[in-house]
């Protein structure tokens, strides 16, 4: 850096000093004024030098700092706030629609989620209690009518056998073959035949497109549906999978003879409709006859007791319910099994054996009529 120390006033003072000394005729006053002028010029020169040096040093320092920040990347860049992608696109779309004079589409309505309340369970609970009572009450009346008609059916059978002997035999009579097949079935198999037919009919209805809405509403158990009562009954006959329906109907057919011989067809039907599951029938038989030998259809060589089978099924469905498995409807299976166990241990004593007042009331109602014989009917 080059700095000039002599300014024009300083140079003029030096020239005046040289001229004065050369002439030799200056007075003391003139000499004193010259010395003062030289000192002022020197002071001005020093002040100018210091000022220029400070200004130059500050400029170079700022320049070096700016170049260093730009070269090394130490300079902080202001963070640019970018709107969210969805918000930006929505704002841009609204702006375009506004320019075209088209109102933006309203926001989709938020779906209404019904609040979970125990009030929704009151109606299904009342329906369950009422339907269970009606099922066992109807079964008691059905049993009474069956016992009453046995005497009359005995004479009808004698008459039918006599007519069959004198009637000429028909070859290839389809009706006769059906009757022979029907008579070869046990009482339990005859009872569950109607249940199997009902399940097959509902299975076919699932394949009709125009019935899908009604099937979903009334033949599936959906807690969020408005229909909560009738689906608990109708879903008993509903199977969307052919394999599921076939497996359940095979189990029902296999245990039908044992359960009907143990309970009677009337009590069995009440249990089946009230429990709403094949598992209730299976659990009832296993609880009543825990030492009975069972086997799996695909593995007939391996046998096990009914009691052990029931324990395994309850444990499997409990684990599936807790862990959230989706293989089967574990809640329905577990509920049906528990109901079947409860009915064999307690329910039979509490419900079925206390049906006599209802049967007596029905007997009095059926015995009214003209005449004193007590056999009239209305």
Protein backbone atom coordinates (compact mmCIF):
# COMPACT_ATOMS: atom_id res chain seq x y z
CA UNK A 1 0.00 0.00 0.00
CA UNK A 2 1.40 3.38 -1.04
CA UNK A 3 0.65 6.47 1.12
CA UNK A 4 1.72 10.04 0.25
CA UNK A 5 2.81 12.05 3.29
CA UNK A 6 3.10 15.49 1.69
CA UNK A 7 0.01 17.41 0.89
CA UNK A 8 -0.11 20.69 -1.04
CA UNK A 9 -0.20 22.85 2.14
CA UNK A 10 2.79 20.97 3.57
CA UNK A 11 4.77 21.46 0.34
CA UNK A 12 4.03 25.20 0.31
CA UNK A 13 5.24 25.47 3.93
CA UNK A 14 8.50 23.70 3.13
CA UNK A 15 9.06 25.97 0.12
CA UNK A 16 8.43 29.03 2.22
CA UNK A 17 10.90 27.79 4.85
CA UNK A 18 13.57 27.20 2.23
CA UNK A 19 12.98 30.63 0.70
CA UNK A 20 13.23 32.30 4.10
CA UNK A 21 16.48 30.64 5.04
CA UNK A 22 17.95 31.48 1.69
CA UNK A 23 17.22 35.16 1.89
CA UNK A 24 18.66 35.61 5.38
CA UNK A 25 16.67 38.79 6.03
CA UNK A 26 13.63 37.31 7.89
CA UNK A 27 12.73 38.57 11.30
CA UNK A 28 11.95 36.53 14.46
CA UNK A 29 8.22 36.87 13.95
CA UNK A 30 8.53 35.54 10.46
CA UNK A 31 10.58 32.56 11.71
CA UNK A 32 8.03 31.72 14.43
CA UNK A 33 5.14 31.77 11.96
CA UNK A 34 7.03 29.46 9.61
CA UNK A 35 7.66 26.90 12.35
CA UNK A 36 3.98 26.92 13.33
CA UNK A 37 2.90 26.42 9.73
CA UNK A 38 5.25 23.45 9.36
CA UNK A 39 3.85 21.78 12.50
CA UNK A 40 0.24 22.24 11.34
CA UNK A 41 1.07 20.83 7.92
CA UNK A 42 2.76 17.80 9.47
CA UNK A 43 -0.19 17.18 11.77
CA UNK A 44 -2.61 17.37 8.85
CA UNK A 45 -0.47 14.94 6.86
CA UNK A 46 -0.33 12.44 9.73
CA UNK A 47 -4.15 12.64 10.29
CA UNK A 48 -4.81 12.08 6.60
CA UNK A 49 -2.44 9.08 6.53
CA UNK A 50 -4.09 7.47 9.56
CA UNK A 51 -7.62 8.05 8.15
CA UNK A 52 -6.78 6.57 4.76
CA UNK A 53 -5.08 3.60 6.41
CA UNK A 54 -8.12 2.84 8.62
CA UNK A 55 -10.54 3.16 5.71
CA UNK A 56 -8.42 0.91 3.47
CA UNK A 57 -7.96 -1.70 6.20
CA UNK A 58 -11.75 -1.83 6.93
CA UNK A 59 -12.55 -2.19 3.22
CA UNK A 60 -10.08 -5.02 2.73
CA UNK A 61 -11.33 -6.81 5.86
CA UNK A 62 -14.95 -6.69 4.72
CA UNK A 63 -14.01 -7.83 1.25
CA UNK A 64 -11.97 -10.75 2.59
CA UNK A 65 -14.79 -11.82 4.92
CA UNK A 66 -17.38 -11.71 2.11
CA UNK A 67 -15.16 -13.68 -0.28
CA UNK A 68 -14.36 -16.25 2.43
CA UNK A 69 -18.06 -16.80 3.26
CA UNK A 70 -18.99 -17.21 -0.37
CA UNK A 71 -16.04 -19.55 -1.08
CA UNK A 72 -16.42 -21.77 2.02
CA UNK A 73 -20.19 -21.76 2.20
CA UNK A 74 -20.37 -20.32 5.74
CA UNK A 75 -22.88 -17.69 4.84
CA UNK A 76 -26.37 -18.54 6.13
CA UNK A 77 -29.03 -18.65 3.50
CA UNK A 78 -32.53 -17.57 4.50
CA UNK A 79 -34.83 -20.61 4.81
CA UNK A 80 -37.53 -20.58 2.23
CA UNK A 81 -40.88 -21.60 3.59
CA UNK A 82 -42.58 -23.84 1.10
CA UNK A 83 -46.25 -24.63 1.46
CA UNK A 84 -47.34 -28.23 1.70
CA UNK A 85 -47.88 -30.00 -1.57
CA UNK A 86 -51.52 -30.69 -1.01
CA UNK A 87 -52.20 -27.16 0.24
CA UNK A 88 -50.30 -25.57 -2.67
CA UNK A 89 -52.12 -27.65 -5.26
CA UNK A 90 -55.45 -26.91 -3.64
CA UNK A 91 -54.70 -23.16 -3.52
CA UNK A 92 -53.59 -23.18 -7.18
CA UNK A 93 -56.73 -25.07 -8.22
CA UNK A 94 -58.97 -22.66 -6.31
CA UNK A 95 -57.22 -19.71 -7.95
CA UNK A 96 -57.77 -21.16 -11.43
CA UNK A 97 -61.42 -21.86 -10.68
CA UNK A 98 -61.84 -18.35 -9.29
CA UNK A 99 -60.44 -16.81 -12.51
CA UNK A 100 -62.85 -18.92 -14.57
CA UNK A 101 -65.76 -17.91 -12.38
CA UNK A 102 -66.39 -21.44 -11.13
CA UNK A 103 -66.98 -22.05 -7.46
CA UNK A 104 -64.58 -24.55 -5.87
CA UNK A 105 -65.96 -27.93 -4.92
CA UNK A 106 -67.05 -28.18 -1.28
CA UNK A 107 -65.12 -30.39 1.09
CA UNK A 108 -66.48 -33.96 1.34
CA UNK A 109 -68.65 -34.50 4.39
CA UNK A 110 -67.02 -36.24 7.31
CA UNK A 111 -68.57 -39.71 7.79
CA UNK A 112 -70.65 -39.98 10.88
CA UNK A 113 -69.27 -42.53 13.31
CA UNK A 114 -71.94 -43.63 15.77
CA UNK A 115 -70.93 -43.31 19.36
CA UNK A 116 -70.41 -46.53 21.21
CA UNK A 117 -73.07 -46.75 23.82
CA UNK A 118 -74.60 -49.55 25.80
CA UNK A 119 -78.02 -48.26 24.78
CA UNK A 120 -77.67 -50.05 21.44
CA UNK A 121 -77.35 -53.36 23.28
CA UNK A 122 -80.67 -53.10 25.08
CA UNK A 123 -82.82 -54.05 22.11
CA UNK A 124 -80.71 -57.07 21.05
CA UNK A 125 -80.57 -58.24 24.67
CA UNK A 126 -84.35 -58.08 25.04
CA UNK A 127 -84.75 -59.85 21.68
CA UNK A 128 -82.38 -62.63 22.78
CA UNK A 129 -84.21 -63.24 26.04
CA UNK A 130 -87.63 -63.12 24.38
CA UNK A 131 -86.66 -65.38 21.49
CA UNK A 132 -85.02 -67.93 23.80
CA UNK A 133 -88.16 -68.08 25.94
CA UNK A 134 -90.38 -68.45 22.89
CA UNK A 135 -88.13 -71.19 21.47
CA UNK A 136 -88.25 -73.37 24.56
CA UNK A 137 -91.92 -72.58 25.14
CA UNK A 138 -92.76 -73.57 21.58
CA UNK A 139 -90.65 -76.71 21.97
CA UNK A 140 -92.62 -77.70 25.10
CA UNK A 141 -95.94 -77.24 23.25
CA UNK A 142 -94.59 -79.13 20.25
CA UNK A 143 -93.62 -82.04 22.48
CA UNK A 144 -97.10 -82.07 24.03
CA UNK A 145 -98.75 -82.21 20.61
CA UNK A 146 -96.40 -84.99 19.53
CA UNK A 147 -97.24 -87.12 22.54
CA UNK A 148 -100.95 -86.50 22.06
CA UNK A 149 -100.89 -87.55 18.43
CA UNK A 150 -99.04 -90.82 18.96
CA UNK A 151 -102.17 -92.79 19.74
CA UNK A 152 -103.88 -91.49 16.64
CA UNK A 153 -100.80 -92.12 14.52
CA UNK A 154 -100.73 -95.74 15.70
CA UNK A 155 -104.15 -96.42 14.18
CA UNK A 156 -103.16 -94.50 11.07
CA UNK A 157 -100.10 -96.70 10.65
CA UNK A 158 -102.17 -99.87 10.99
CA UNK A 159 -104.57 -98.59 8.35
CA UNK A 160 -101.74 -97.58 6.03
CA UNK A 161 -100.12 -101.02 6.29
CA UNK A 162 -103.44 -102.71 5.44
CA UNK A 163 -103.95 -100.47 2.40
CA UNK A 164 -100.39 -101.06 1.31
CA UNK A 165 -100.95 -104.80 1.23
CA UNK A 166 -104.10 -104.68 -0.89
CA UNK A 167 -102.84 -101.88 -3.18
CA UNK A 168 -101.07 -103.12 -6.32
CA UNK A 169 -97.33 -102.49 -6.24
CA UNK A 170 -95.89 -99.98 -8.70
CA UNK A 171 -92.51 -100.57 -10.23
CA UNK A 172 -90.11 -97.61 -10.30
CA UNK A 173 -92.30 -95.47 -8.08
CA UNK A 174 -90.13 -92.46 -7.14
CA UNK A 175 -92.35 -91.50 -4.26
CA UNK A 176 -92.04 -94.96 -2.76
CA UNK A 177 -88.26 -94.82 -3.01
CA UNK A 178 -88.19 -91.45 -1.29
CA UNK A 179 -90.42 -92.77 1.47
CA UNK A 180 -88.19 -95.77 1.97
CA UNK A 181 -85.12 -93.54 2.21
CA UNK A 182 -86.88 -91.23 4.65
CA UNK A 183 -88.01 -94.09 6.85
CA UNK A 184 -84.47 -95.45 6.97
CA UNK A 185 -83.22 -92.27 8.64
CA UNK A 186 -83.00 -91.86 12.40
CA UNK A 187 -85.08 -89.29 14.23
CA UNK A 188 -82.05 -87.04 14.57
CA UNK A 189 -81.24 -87.19 10.85
CA UNK A 190 -84.85 -86.45 9.97
CA UNK A 191 -84.78 -83.43 12.29
CA UNK A 192 -81.64 -81.86 10.84
CA UNK A 193 -82.69 -82.47 7.22
CA UNK A 194 -84.82 -79.33 7.30
CA UNK A 195 -81.94 -77.32 8.79
CA UNK A 196 -79.59 -78.49 6.05
CA UNK A 197 -82.16 -77.60 3.37
CA UNK A 198 -82.57 -74.11 4.85
CA UNK A 199 -78.79 -73.57 4.84
CA UNK A 200 -78.56 -74.69 1.21
CA UNK A 201 -81.35 -72.30 0.22
CA UNK A 202 -79.66 -69.34 1.90
CA UNK A 203 -76.36 -70.31 0.26
CA UNK A 204 -78.04 -70.15 -3.17
CA UNK A 205 -79.58 -66.75 -2.34
CA UNK A 206 -76.07 -65.36 -1.78
CA UNK A 207 -75.40 -66.03 -5.49
CA UNK A 208 -78.32 -63.86 -6.68
CA UNK A 209 -77.03 -60.30 -7.39
CA UNK A 210 -80.38 -58.62 -6.79
CA UNK A 211 -80.53 -60.07 -3.24
CA UNK A 212 -77.09 -58.93 -2.13
CA UNK A 213 -78.30 -55.86 -0.22
CA UNK A 214 -80.94 -57.81 1.69
CA UNK A 215 -78.52 -60.65 2.40
CA UNK A 216 -75.93 -58.25 3.80
CA UNK A 217 -78.52 -56.54 5.97
CA UNK A 218 -80.33 -59.53 7.46
CA UNK A 219 -78.02 -62.55 7.05
CA UNK A 220 -74.76 -61.12 8.43
CA UNK A 221 -74.00 -60.06 11.99
CA UNK A 222 -72.80 -56.47 11.66
CA UNK A 223 -72.73 -54.39 14.89
CA UNK A 224 -72.77 -51.15 12.86
CA UNK A 225 -75.95 -52.11 10.98
CA UNK A 226 -79.35 -50.71 11.87
CA UNK A 227 -80.79 -54.23 11.89
CA UNK A 228 -79.41 -55.85 15.04
CA UNK A 229 -82.03 -58.39 16.09
CA UNK A 230 -83.10 -60.57 13.16
CA UNK A 231 -79.54 -61.05 11.83
CA UNK A 232 -78.70 -62.87 15.08
CA UNK A 233 -81.21 -65.55 14.06
CA UNK A 234 -80.96 -65.54 10.26
CA UNK A 235 -77.14 -65.57 10.21
CA UNK A 236 -77.40 -69.03 11.79
CA UNK A 237 -78.41 -70.37 8.36
CA UNK A 238 -75.97 -68.25 6.36
CA UNK A 239 -72.71 -69.55 4.86
CA UNK A 240 -70.95 -67.69 2.07
CA UNK A 241 -68.33 -70.41 1.53
CA UNK A 242 -69.32 -73.83 0.21
CA UNK A 243 -66.56 -75.53 2.18
CA UNK A 244 -67.66 -73.84 5.41
CA UNK A 245 -71.27 -74.86 4.90
CA UNK A 246 -70.32 -78.42 3.96
CA UNK A 247 -68.13 -78.86 7.04
CA UNK A 248 -70.80 -77.50 9.40
CA UNK A 249 -73.57 -79.59 7.91
CA UNK A 250 -71.43 -82.72 8.09
CA UNK A 251 -70.79 -82.12 11.81
CA UNK A 252 -74.50 -81.47 12.37
CA UNK A 253 -75.47 -84.66 10.53
CA UNK A 254 -72.89 -86.71 12.45
CA UNK A 255 -74.04 -85.55 15.90
CA UNK A 256 -77.75 -85.38 15.12
CA UNK A 257 -78.62 -88.90 16.24
CA UNK A 258 -76.80 -88.56 19.57
CA UNK A 259 -78.19 -85.15 20.47
CA UNK A 260 -81.78 -86.01 19.50
CA UNK A 261 -81.72 -89.31 21.39
CA UNK A 262 -80.37 -87.45 24.41
CA UNK A 263 -82.74 -84.45 24.32
CA UNK A 264 -85.56 -85.18 21.96
CA UNK A 265 -86.13 -83.35 18.70
CA UNK A 266 -88.17 -80.55 20.32
CA UNK A 267 -85.58 -79.60 22.92
CA UNK A 268 -82.81 -79.95 20.34
CA UNK A 269 -84.46 -77.48 17.97
CA UNK A 270 -84.91 -74.97 20.80
CA UNK A 271 -81.23 -75.31 21.71
CA UNK A 272 -80.11 -74.97 18.10
CA UNK A 273 -82.17 -71.84 17.41
CA UNK A 274 -81.27 -70.19 20.72
CA UNK A 275 -77.54 -70.87 20.51
CA UNK A 276 -77.30 -69.99 16.84
CA UNK A 277 -74.25 -72.18 16.20
CA UNK A 278 -73.24 -75.75 15.43
CA UNK A 279 -70.77 -75.47 18.29
CA UNK A 280 -73.59 -75.53 20.83
CA UNK A 281 -74.68 -78.97 19.60
CA UNK A 282 -71.09 -80.25 19.58
CA UNK A 283 -70.38 -78.87 23.07
CA UNK A 284 -73.62 -80.30 24.47
CA UNK A 285 -72.82 -83.81 23.24
CA UNK A 286 -69.21 -83.63 24.42
CA UNK A 287 -70.30 -82.38 27.85
CA UNK A 288 -72.98 -85.06 28.24
CA UNK A 289 -70.79 -87.89 26.94
CA UNK A 290 -67.15 -86.87 27.58
CA UNK A 291 -65.81 -90.41 27.16
CA UNK A 292 -67.26 -90.90 23.68
CA UNK A 293 -64.69 -91.60 20.95
CA UNK A 294 -64.43 -89.12 18.09
CA UNK A 295 -62.33 -88.94 14.94
CA UNK A 296 -61.61 -86.45 12.16
CA UNK A 297 -63.09 -87.29 8.78
CA UNK A 298 -59.74 -86.90 6.98
CA UNK A 299 -57.81 -88.82 9.69
CA UNK A 300 -60.10 -91.64 10.83
CA UNK A 301 -57.18 -93.64 12.25
CA UNK A 302 -56.66 -91.08 15.06
CA UNK A 303 -59.32 -91.11 17.78
CA UNK A 304 -59.75 -88.98 20.89
CA UNK A 305 -62.34 -88.48 23.59
CA UNK A 306 -65.13 -85.94 23.29
CA UNK A 307 -64.01 -84.20 26.47
CA UNK A 308 -60.50 -83.58 25.14
CA UNK A 309 -61.90 -82.40 21.81
CA UNK A 310 -64.10 -79.85 23.58
CA UNK A 311 -61.17 -78.53 25.62
CA UNK A 312 -59.04 -78.13 22.49
CA UNK A 313 -61.81 -76.31 20.61
CA UNK A 314 -62.49 -73.88 23.48
CA UNK A 315 -58.76 -73.19 23.88
CA UNK A 316 -58.33 -72.61 20.13
CA UNK A 317 -61.27 -70.21 19.87
CA UNK A 318 -60.20 -68.34 23.00
CA UNK A 319 -56.70 -67.83 21.59
CA UNK A 320 -58.14 -66.75 18.24
CA UNK A 321 -60.42 -64.23 19.92
CA UNK A 322 -57.61 -62.72 22.02
CA UNK A 323 -55.00 -62.66 19.25
CA UNK A 324 -57.41 -61.44 16.59
CA UNK A 325 -57.19 -64.42 14.23
CA UNK A 326 -59.38 -64.33 11.13
CA UNK A 327 -59.54 -68.02 10.28
CA UNK A 328 -63.07 -68.49 11.69
CA UNK A 329 -65.64 -66.52 13.61
CA UNK A 330 -64.01 -67.40 16.91
CA UNK A 331 -66.41 -65.27 18.96
CA UNK A 332 -69.46 -67.11 17.57
CA UNK A 333 -67.83 -70.51 18.06
CA UNK A 334 -66.82 -69.72 21.61
CA UNK A 335 -70.23 -68.29 22.48
CA UNK A 336 -72.03 -71.34 21.08
CA UNK A 337 -69.74 -73.76 22.89
CA UNK A 338 -70.18 -71.96 26.23
CA UNK A 339 -73.96 -71.93 25.80
CA UNK A 340 -74.01 -75.65 25.03
CA UNK A 341 -71.91 -76.42 28.11
CA UNK A 342 -74.07 -74.17 30.31
CA UNK A 343 -77.31 -75.70 29.08
CA UNK A 344 -76.28 -79.29 29.79
CA UNK A 345 -75.00 -78.43 33.29
CA UNK A 346 -77.58 -75.84 34.41
CA UNK A 347 -80.00 -74.87 31.66
CA UNK A 348 -81.80 -78.19 31.38
CA UNK A 349 -82.72 -78.05 35.07
CA UNK A 350 -83.65 -74.36 35.04
CA UNK A 351 -85.61 -74.23 31.78
CA UNK A 352 -86.78 -77.57 30.44
CA UNK A 353 -87.79 -79.20 33.72
CA UNK A 354 -89.86 -76.14 34.66
CA UNK A 355 -92.07 -76.28 31.57
CA UNK A 356 -95.00 -78.03 33.30
CA UNK A 357 -97.02 -74.86 34.10
CA UNK A 358 -96.89 -73.82 30.45
CA UNK A 359 -97.82 -77.32 29.23
CA UNK A 360 -100.74 -77.49 31.66
CA UNK A 361 -101.98 -74.09 30.49
CA UNK A 362 -101.79 -75.26 26.87
CA UNK A 363 -103.57 -78.50 27.75
CA UNK A 364 -106.44 -76.57 29.33
CA UNK A 365 -106.61 -74.32 26.30
CA UNK A 366 -106.70 -77.25 23.86
CA UNK A 367 -109.21 -79.22 25.93
CA UNK A 368 -111.91 -76.54 25.76
CA UNK A 369 -114.72 -77.16 23.37
CA UNK A 370 -118.31 -78.32 23.01
CA UNK A 371 -119.23 -81.43 24.95
CA UNK A 372 -117.94 -82.80 28.21
CA UNK A 373 -115.44 -85.23 26.71
CA UNK A 374 -112.57 -82.79 27.04
CA UNK A 375 -111.20 -83.81 23.65
CA UNK A 376 -112.53 -80.91 21.67
CA UNK A 377 -110.26 -78.45 19.89
CA UNK A 378 -110.58 -75.03 18.47
